[in-house]
Amino acid sequence: MFFSCSDMLGEEEFMVELCNGFRLLADAEKGVITLESLKRNSGVLGIEAMNEDQLQAMIAAADLNGDGVVDENEFCVMMVRLSPSFITEAQQWLEKALIHELQSCEQ
């Protein structure tokens, strides 16, 4: 879903949508994706048939720091890992952002 959108949206809009996707799945109070929030929102992803062990495996696969939940950075890393073609786009976006940052520092 997110990656097909990247072709239609600019990089800023795409990142906003990626963040919106994270917030949709995250526990509103904790600000992270927990097993409970993933279960609660599994229908949004079309994975409502997955059992708790499978959902926990999804969390574990994205949980880079081992705290048992997925924060926004881990979510973005996971989304990039899911689409190798997205890596090229992300690198181009990073280059544009760095150029923009350098230009704003020069002013």
N, C-alpha and C. Protein backbone atom coordinates (compact mmCIF):
# COMPACT_ATOMS: atom_id res chain seq x y z
N MET A 1 0.82 -1.18 0.00
CA MET A 1 0.00 0.00 0.00
C MET A 1 0.87 1.25 0.00
N PHE A 2 1.82 1.36 0.95
CA PHE A 2 2.63 2.56 1.05
C PHE A 2 3.52 2.74 -0.16
N PHE A 3 4.09 1.63 -0.68
CA PHE A 3 5.07 1.75 -1.73
C PHE A 3 4.45 2.13 -3.05
N SER A 4 3.25 1.69 -3.34
CA SER A 4 2.59 2.12 -4.56
C SER A 4 2.28 3.61 -4.48
N CYS A 5 2.06 4.10 -3.29
CA CYS A 5 1.80 5.54 -3.10
C CYS A 5 3.05 6.36 -3.37
N SER A 6 4.24 5.80 -3.15
CA SER A 6 5.46 6.57 -3.32
C SER A 6 5.65 7.00 -4.76
N ASP A 7 5.11 6.23 -5.70
CA ASP A 7 5.21 6.60 -7.10
C ASP A 7 4.34 7.80 -7.43
N MET A 8 3.23 7.96 -6.72
CA MET A 8 2.28 9.03 -7.02
C MET A 8 2.53 10.29 -6.21
N LEU A 9 3.20 10.17 -5.08
CA LEU A 9 3.41 11.30 -4.18
C LEU A 9 4.85 11.77 -4.26
N GLY A 10 5.07 13.01 -3.92
CA GLY A 10 6.43 13.50 -3.76
C GLY A 10 7.00 12.95 -2.47
N GLU A 11 8.30 13.16 -2.26
CA GLU A 11 8.92 12.57 -1.07
C GLU A 11 8.35 13.09 0.24
N GLU A 12 8.04 14.39 0.30
CA GLU A 12 7.49 14.91 1.55
C GLU A 12 6.12 14.33 1.84
N GLU A 13 5.28 14.27 0.81
CA GLU A 13 3.94 13.73 1.00
C GLU A 13 4.00 12.25 1.36
N PHE A 14 4.93 11.54 0.73
CA PHE A 14 5.07 10.12 1.02
C PHE A 14 5.49 9.91 2.47
N MET A 15 6.45 10.71 2.96
CA MET A 15 6.89 10.57 4.35
C MET A 15 5.76 10.89 5.31
N VAL A 16 4.93 11.87 4.96
CA VAL A 16 3.76 12.18 5.79
C VAL A 16 2.84 10.97 5.84
N GLU A 17 2.60 10.34 4.68
CA GLU A 17 1.74 9.16 4.64
C GLU A 17 2.34 8.00 5.42
N LEU A 18 3.65 7.85 5.36
CA LEU A 18 4.32 6.80 6.12
C LEU A 18 4.13 7.04 7.61
N CYS A 19 4.29 8.28 8.04
CA CYS A 19 4.07 8.62 9.45
C CYS A 19 2.62 8.41 9.85
N ASN A 20 1.69 8.75 8.96
CA ASN A 20 0.27 8.51 9.23
C ASN A 20 0.00 7.02 9.40
N GLY A 21 0.64 6.21 8.57
CA GLY A 21 0.49 4.76 8.69
C GLY A 21 0.98 4.26 10.04
N PHE A 22 2.10 4.81 10.50
CA PHE A 22 2.61 4.43 11.82
C PHE A 22 1.60 4.81 12.91
N ARG A 23 1.13 6.04 12.86
CA ARG A 23 0.18 6.50 13.89
C ARG A 23 -1.10 5.69 13.89
N LEU A 24 -1.51 5.23 12.72
CA LEU A 24 -2.71 4.41 12.61
C LEU A 24 -2.54 3.09 13.38
N LEU A 25 -1.34 2.54 13.35
CA LEU A 25 -1.08 1.24 14.00
C LEU A 25 -0.61 1.37 15.43
N ALA A 26 -0.12 2.53 15.81
CA ALA A 26 0.49 2.71 17.12
C ALA A 26 -0.55 2.84 18.23
N ASP A 27 -0.15 2.47 19.42
CA ASP A 27 -0.93 2.71 20.63
C ASP A 27 -0.89 4.21 20.88
N ALA A 28 -2.02 4.85 20.95
CA ALA A 28 -2.09 6.31 21.07
C ALA A 28 -1.42 6.83 22.33
N GLU A 29 -1.52 6.10 23.42
CA GLU A 29 -0.92 6.56 24.68
C GLU A 29 0.58 6.32 24.74
N LYS A 30 1.03 5.20 24.21
CA LYS A 30 2.45 4.83 24.29
C LYS A 30 3.27 5.36 23.13
N GLY A 31 2.61 5.66 22.00
CA GLY A 31 3.33 6.20 20.86
C GLY A 31 4.19 5.18 20.13
N VAL A 32 3.92 3.91 20.32
CA VAL A 32 4.64 2.83 19.65
C VAL A 32 3.64 1.76 19.22
N ILE A 33 4.06 0.91 18.31
CA ILE A 33 3.23 -0.22 17.91
C ILE A 33 3.50 -1.36 18.88
N THR A 34 2.46 -1.77 19.58
CA THR A 34 2.55 -2.88 20.52
C THR A 34 1.82 -4.09 19.92
N LEU A 35 1.97 -5.22 20.56
CA LEU A 35 1.22 -6.39 20.11
C LEU A 35 -0.27 -6.10 20.17
N GLU A 36 -0.71 -5.47 21.23
CA GLU A 36 -2.13 -5.16 21.39
C GLU A 36 -2.64 -4.19 20.31
N SER A 37 -1.85 -3.15 20.01
CA SER A 37 -2.30 -2.20 18.99
C SER A 37 -2.28 -2.84 17.61
N LEU A 38 -1.33 -3.74 17.37
CA LEU A 38 -1.29 -4.44 16.08
C LEU A 38 -2.49 -5.37 15.96
N LYS A 39 -2.83 -6.06 17.05
CA LYS A 39 -4.03 -6.92 17.04
C LYS A 39 -5.28 -6.09 16.76
N ARG A 40 -5.39 -4.98 17.45
CA ARG A 40 -6.57 -4.11 17.34
C ARG A 40 -6.73 -3.57 15.92
N ASN A 41 -5.62 -3.32 15.24
CA ASN A 41 -5.66 -2.72 13.91
C ASN A 41 -5.34 -3.69 12.78
N SER A 42 -5.36 -4.97 13.08
CA SER A 42 -4.99 -5.97 12.06
C SER A 42 -5.92 -5.94 10.86
N GLY A 43 -7.17 -5.58 11.06
CA GLY A 43 -8.11 -5.50 9.95
C GLY A 43 -7.72 -4.44 8.93
N VAL A 44 -7.11 -3.36 9.39
CA VAL A 44 -6.66 -2.29 8.50
C VAL A 44 -5.61 -2.83 7.53
N LEU A 45 -4.79 -3.75 8.03
CA LEU A 45 -3.72 -4.33 7.21
C LEU A 45 -4.15 -5.56 6.44
N GLY A 46 -5.36 -6.05 6.74
CA GLY A 46 -5.83 -7.28 6.09
C GLY A 46 -5.17 -8.52 6.65
N ILE A 47 -4.73 -8.45 7.91
CA ILE A 47 -4.04 -9.59 8.53
C ILE A 47 -4.80 -10.10 9.75
N GLU A 48 -6.11 -9.87 9.76
CA GLU A 48 -6.90 -10.26 10.93
C GLU A 48 -6.90 -11.76 11.19
N ALA A 49 -6.56 -12.56 10.18
CA ALA A 49 -6.52 -14.02 10.36
C ALA A 49 -5.24 -14.50 11.03
N MET A 50 -4.27 -13.61 11.20
CA MET A 50 -3.00 -14.01 11.82
C MET A 50 -3.22 -14.22 13.31
N ASN A 51 -2.54 -15.24 13.84
CA ASN A 51 -2.66 -15.51 15.27
C ASN A 51 -1.64 -14.66 16.04
N GLU A 52 -1.72 -14.71 17.35
CA GLU A 52 -0.88 -13.87 18.20
C GLU A 52 0.61 -14.14 17.99
N ASP A 53 0.98 -15.41 17.81
CA ASP A 53 2.39 -15.73 17.57
C ASP A 53 2.90 -15.10 16.28
N GLN A 54 2.07 -15.10 15.25
CA GLN A 54 2.47 -14.50 13.98
C GLN A 54 2.58 -12.98 14.10
N LEU A 55 1.66 -12.38 14.82
CA LEU A 55 1.73 -10.93 15.04
C LEU A 55 2.96 -10.57 15.87
N GLN A 56 3.25 -11.39 16.87
CA GLN A 56 4.44 -11.15 17.71
C GLN A 56 5.70 -11.28 16.86
N ALA A 57 5.71 -12.21 15.91
CA ALA A 57 6.86 -12.36 15.02
C ALA A 57 7.04 -11.11 14.16
N MET A 58 5.93 -10.50 13.75
CA MET A 58 6.01 -9.25 12.98
C MET A 58 6.65 -8.15 13.83
N ILE A 59 6.21 -8.07 15.07
CA ILE A 59 6.79 -7.07 15.99
C ILE A 59 8.28 -7.33 16.15
N ALA A 60 8.64 -8.58 16.41
CA ALA A 60 10.04 -8.94 16.65
C ALA A 60 10.91 -8.64 15.42
N ALA A 61 10.37 -8.85 14.23
CA ALA A 61 11.14 -8.59 13.01
C ALA A 61 11.47 -7.11 12.84
N ALA A 62 10.60 -6.25 13.31
CA ALA A 62 10.80 -4.80 13.16
C ALA A 62 11.47 -4.17 14.38
N ASP A 63 11.48 -4.87 15.50
CA ASP A 63 11.98 -4.34 16.77
C ASP A 63 13.51 -4.40 16.82
N LEU A 64 14.16 -3.36 16.36
CA LEU A 64 15.61 -3.35 16.25
C LEU A 64 16.33 -3.22 17.59
N ASN A 65 15.72 -2.54 18.55
CA ASN A 65 16.40 -2.33 19.83
C ASN A 65 15.99 -3.33 20.90
N GLY A 66 15.11 -4.27 20.57
CA GLY A 66 14.76 -5.35 21.49
C GLY A 66 13.87 -4.97 22.65
N ASP A 67 13.15 -3.84 22.55
CA ASP A 67 12.30 -3.44 23.67
C ASP A 67 10.88 -4.01 23.58
N GLY A 68 10.61 -4.83 22.55
CA GLY A 68 9.31 -5.50 22.46
C GLY A 68 8.22 -4.71 21.77
N VAL A 69 8.55 -3.52 21.29
CA VAL A 69 7.58 -2.68 20.58
C VAL A 69 8.28 -2.10 19.35
N VAL A 70 7.50 -1.46 18.47
CA VAL A 70 8.06 -0.85 17.26
C VAL A 70 7.84 0.65 17.34
N ASP A 71 8.95 1.40 17.38
CA ASP A 71 8.82 2.86 17.38
C ASP A 71 8.78 3.36 15.93
N GLU A 72 8.62 4.66 15.77
CA GLU A 72 8.45 5.22 14.43
C GLU A 72 9.67 4.98 13.55
N ASN A 73 10.86 5.11 14.10
CA ASN A 73 12.07 4.87 13.31
C ASN A 73 12.15 3.42 12.87
N GLU A 74 11.86 2.51 13.77
CA GLU A 74 11.89 1.08 13.43
C GLU A 74 10.85 0.76 12.36
N PHE A 75 9.68 1.40 12.44
CA PHE A 75 8.64 1.21 11.45
C PHE A 75 9.13 1.65 10.07
N CYS A 76 9.76 2.81 10.01
CA CYS A 76 10.27 3.31 8.73
C CYS A 76 11.36 2.41 8.17
N VAL A 77 12.24 1.94 9.02
CA VAL A 77 13.29 1.01 8.58
C VAL A 77 12.66 -0.26 8.03
N MET A 78 11.65 -0.78 8.72
CA MET A 78 10.97 -1.98 8.26
C MET A 78 10.34 -1.75 6.89
N MET A 79 9.70 -0.61 6.71
CA MET A 79 9.05 -0.33 5.43
C MET A 79 10.07 -0.25 4.31
N VAL A 80 11.23 0.31 4.58
CA VAL A 80 12.29 0.38 3.58
C VAL A 80 12.80 -1.03 3.27
N ARG A 81 12.99 -1.84 4.29
CA ARG A 81 13.48 -3.21 4.08
C ARG A 81 12.51 -4.04 3.27
N LEU A 82 11.22 -3.74 3.35
CA LEU A 82 10.23 -4.51 2.63
C LEU A 82 10.23 -4.24 1.13
N SER A 83 10.84 -3.17 0.71
CA SER A 83 10.83 -2.82 -0.70
C SER A 83 12.21 -2.37 -1.15
N PRO A 84 12.99 -3.26 -1.77
CA PRO A 84 14.32 -2.86 -2.24
C PRO A 84 14.29 -1.67 -3.19
N SER A 85 13.24 -1.54 -4.00
CA SER A 85 13.18 -0.40 -4.91
C SER A 85 13.02 0.90 -4.14
N PHE A 86 12.46 0.83 -2.95
CA PHE A 86 12.28 2.02 -2.13
C PHE A 86 13.61 2.56 -1.64
N ILE A 87 14.62 1.69 -1.51
CA ILE A 87 15.93 2.11 -1.03
C ILE A 87 16.53 3.14 -1.98
N THR A 88 16.43 2.90 -3.28
CA THR A 88 16.95 3.85 -4.26
C THR A 88 16.25 5.19 -4.13
N GLU A 89 14.91 5.15 -4.02
CA GLU A 89 14.15 6.40 -3.84
C GLU A 89 14.56 7.11 -2.57
N ALA A 90 14.73 6.35 -1.49
CA ALA A 90 15.09 6.94 -0.20
C ALA A 90 16.46 7.60 -0.28
N GLN A 91 17.38 6.98 -0.99
CA GLN A 91 18.70 7.58 -1.15
C GLN A 91 18.60 8.89 -1.92
N GLN A 92 17.79 8.92 -2.96
CA GLN A 92 17.60 10.16 -3.73
C GLN A 92 16.98 11.24 -2.85
N TRP A 93 16.00 10.86 -2.02
CA TRP A 93 15.37 11.83 -1.11
C TRP A 93 16.39 12.37 -0.11
N LEU A 94 17.24 11.48 0.40
CA LEU A 94 18.26 11.90 1.35
C LEU A 94 19.22 12.88 0.70
N GLU A 95 19.64 12.59 -0.53
CA GLU A 95 20.53 13.50 -1.24
C GLU A 95 19.87 14.86 -1.43
N LYS A 96 18.61 14.88 -1.82
CA LYS A 96 17.89 16.16 -1.98
C LYS A 96 17.81 16.91 -0.66
N ALA A 97 17.54 16.18 0.42
CA ALA A 97 17.43 16.81 1.74
C ALA A 97 18.78 17.40 2.16
N LEU A 98 19.86 16.67 1.89
CA LEU A 98 21.18 17.17 2.26
C LEU A 98 21.54 18.42 1.44
N ILE A 99 21.23 18.40 0.16
CA ILE A 99 21.48 19.57 -0.68
C ILE A 99 20.67 20.76 -0.18
N HIS A 100 19.42 20.52 0.15
CA HIS A 100 18.56 21.59 0.67
C HIS A 100 19.13 22.13 1.98
N GLU A 101 19.57 21.25 2.85
CA GLU A 101 20.13 21.66 4.14
C GLU A 101 21.40 22.48 3.94
N LEU A 102 22.26 22.04 3.04
CA LEU A 102 23.50 22.77 2.77
C LEU A 102 23.19 24.16 2.20
N GLN A 103 22.22 24.21 1.30
CA GLN A 103 21.86 25.50 0.70
C GLN A 103 21.28 26.45 1.75
N SER A 104 20.50 25.93 2.67
CA SER A 104 19.92 26.80 3.71
C SER A 104 20.99 27.26 4.69
N CYS A 105 22.04 26.47 4.89
CA CYS A 105 23.14 26.89 5.79
C CYS A 105 23.98 28.00 5.16
N GLU A 106 24.05 27.98 3.83
CA GLU A 106 24.85 28.97 3.13
C GLU A 106 24.17 30.35 3.14
N GLN A 107 22.87 30.38 3.33
CA GLN A 107 22.14 31.64 3.28
C GLN A 107 22.21 32.39 4.55
